[in-house]
Amino acid sequence: MTYSAKDYTNLIGMQGFSETLLKHHFTLYQGYVTNTNKLADLTAQMLKEGRVGTLEYSELKRRLGFEFNGMRLHDERENRHEGGVR
């Protein structure tokens, strides 16, 4: 499954957050999505090659969890803020 970054530019102008801060935040989010896709592809390839018991695979799976969680947490937070702070 390939993930794509959602567009949250409608949050620019939200009270209490500078445009610069939000743009940096969106860049961070884009990185999480990109890294999640790359790591998912790498781990799937290693699975096909039977390299599941390796240290490399274990580290990539750990990192995939970190990147995926970062992506999902940003999605949840941005969805909560659409329309302004509540």
Protein backbone atom coordinates (compact mmCIF):
# COMPACT_ATOMS: atom_id res chain seq x y z
CA MET A 1 0.00 0.00 0.00
CA THR A 2 1.35 3.40 -0.95
CA TYR A 3 0.48 6.39 1.20
CA SER A 4 0.16 9.91 -0.10
CA ALA A 5 0.51 13.12 1.86
CA LYS A 6 -2.67 15.06 2.40
CA ASP A 7 -2.84 18.77 1.68
CA TYR A 8 -3.24 20.77 4.88
CA THR A 9 -2.34 24.18 3.48
CA ASN A 10 -5.83 25.37 4.41
CA LEU A 11 -4.50 25.54 7.99
CA ILE A 12 -2.20 28.43 7.07
CA GLY A 13 -3.53 31.52 8.77
CA MET A 14 -4.85 29.58 11.75
CA GLN A 15 -4.67 31.71 14.86
CA GLY A 16 -1.69 31.00 17.10
CA PHE A 17 0.52 29.37 14.43
CA SER A 18 2.86 31.23 12.09
CA GLU A 19 2.93 30.41 8.40
CA THR A 20 6.61 29.45 8.72
CA LEU A 21 5.89 27.03 11.55
CA LEU A 22 3.07 25.36 9.63
CA LYS A 23 5.13 25.06 6.44
CA HIS A 24 7.96 23.41 8.38
CA HIS A 25 5.40 21.11 9.98
CA PHE A 26 4.01 20.16 6.56
CA THR A 27 7.54 19.39 5.35
CA LEU A 28 8.11 17.14 8.35
CA TYR A 29 4.82 15.36 7.65
CA GLN A 30 5.79 14.88 3.98
CA GLY A 31 9.02 13.26 5.14
CA TYR A 32 7.12 10.82 7.34
CA VAL A 33 4.93 9.81 4.39
CA THR A 34 7.91 9.43 2.03
CA ASN A 35 9.91 7.40 4.55
CA THR A 36 6.92 5.20 5.38
CA ASN A 37 6.54 4.29 1.70
CA LYS A 38 10.27 3.63 1.24
CA LEU A 39 10.51 1.46 4.34
CA ALA A 40 7.35 -0.46 3.50
CA ASP A 41 8.81 -1.27 0.08
CA LEU A 42 12.17 -2.30 1.56
CA THR A 43 10.68 -4.56 4.20
CA ALA A 44 8.33 -6.16 1.65
CA GLN A 45 11.29 -6.89 -0.61
CA MET A 46 13.27 -8.38 2.27
CA LEU A 47 10.28 -10.52 3.20
CA LYS A 48 10.16 -11.90 -0.35
CA GLU A 49 13.88 -12.63 -0.17
CA GLY A 50 13.50 -14.51 3.12
CA ARG A 51 15.63 -12.02 5.06
CA VAL A 52 13.17 -11.63 7.93
CA GLY A 53 15.46 -12.91 10.67
CA THR A 54 18.23 -10.40 10.01
CA LEU A 55 19.21 -7.44 12.15
CA GLU A 56 18.74 -5.17 9.13
CA TYR A 57 15.13 -6.28 8.73
CA SER A 58 14.45 -5.81 12.45
CA GLU A 59 15.86 -2.28 12.37
CA LEU A 60 13.88 -1.37 9.26
CA LYS A 61 10.66 -2.67 10.85
CA ARG A 62 11.36 -0.60 13.98
CA ARG A 63 12.00 2.49 11.88
CA LEU A 64 8.88 1.81 9.80
CA GLY A 65 6.81 1.88 12.99
CA PHE A 66 8.33 5.25 13.95
CA GLU A 67 7.71 6.81 10.53
CA PHE A 68 4.20 5.35 10.21
CA ASN A 69 3.21 6.59 13.66
CA GLY A 70 4.57 10.06 12.86
CA MET A 71 2.51 10.12 9.67
CA ARG A 72 -0.68 8.95 11.35
CA LEU A 73 -0.33 11.28 14.34
CA HIS A 74 0.11 14.23 12.00
CA ASP A 75 -2.96 13.14 10.03
CA GLU A 76 -5.04 12.91 13.21
CA ARG A 77 -3.83 16.24 14.56
CA GLU A 78 -4.27 18.12 11.27
CA ASN A 79 -7.74 16.65 10.77
CA ARG A 80 -8.66 17.86 14.25
CA HIS A 81 -7.47 21.37 13.44
CA GLU A 82 -9.15 21.77 10.08
CA GLY A 83 -11.41 24.75 10.45
CA GLY A 84 -9.31 26.17 13.31
CA VAL A 85 -8.40 25.30 16.85
CA ARG A 86 -11.28 23.90 18.86
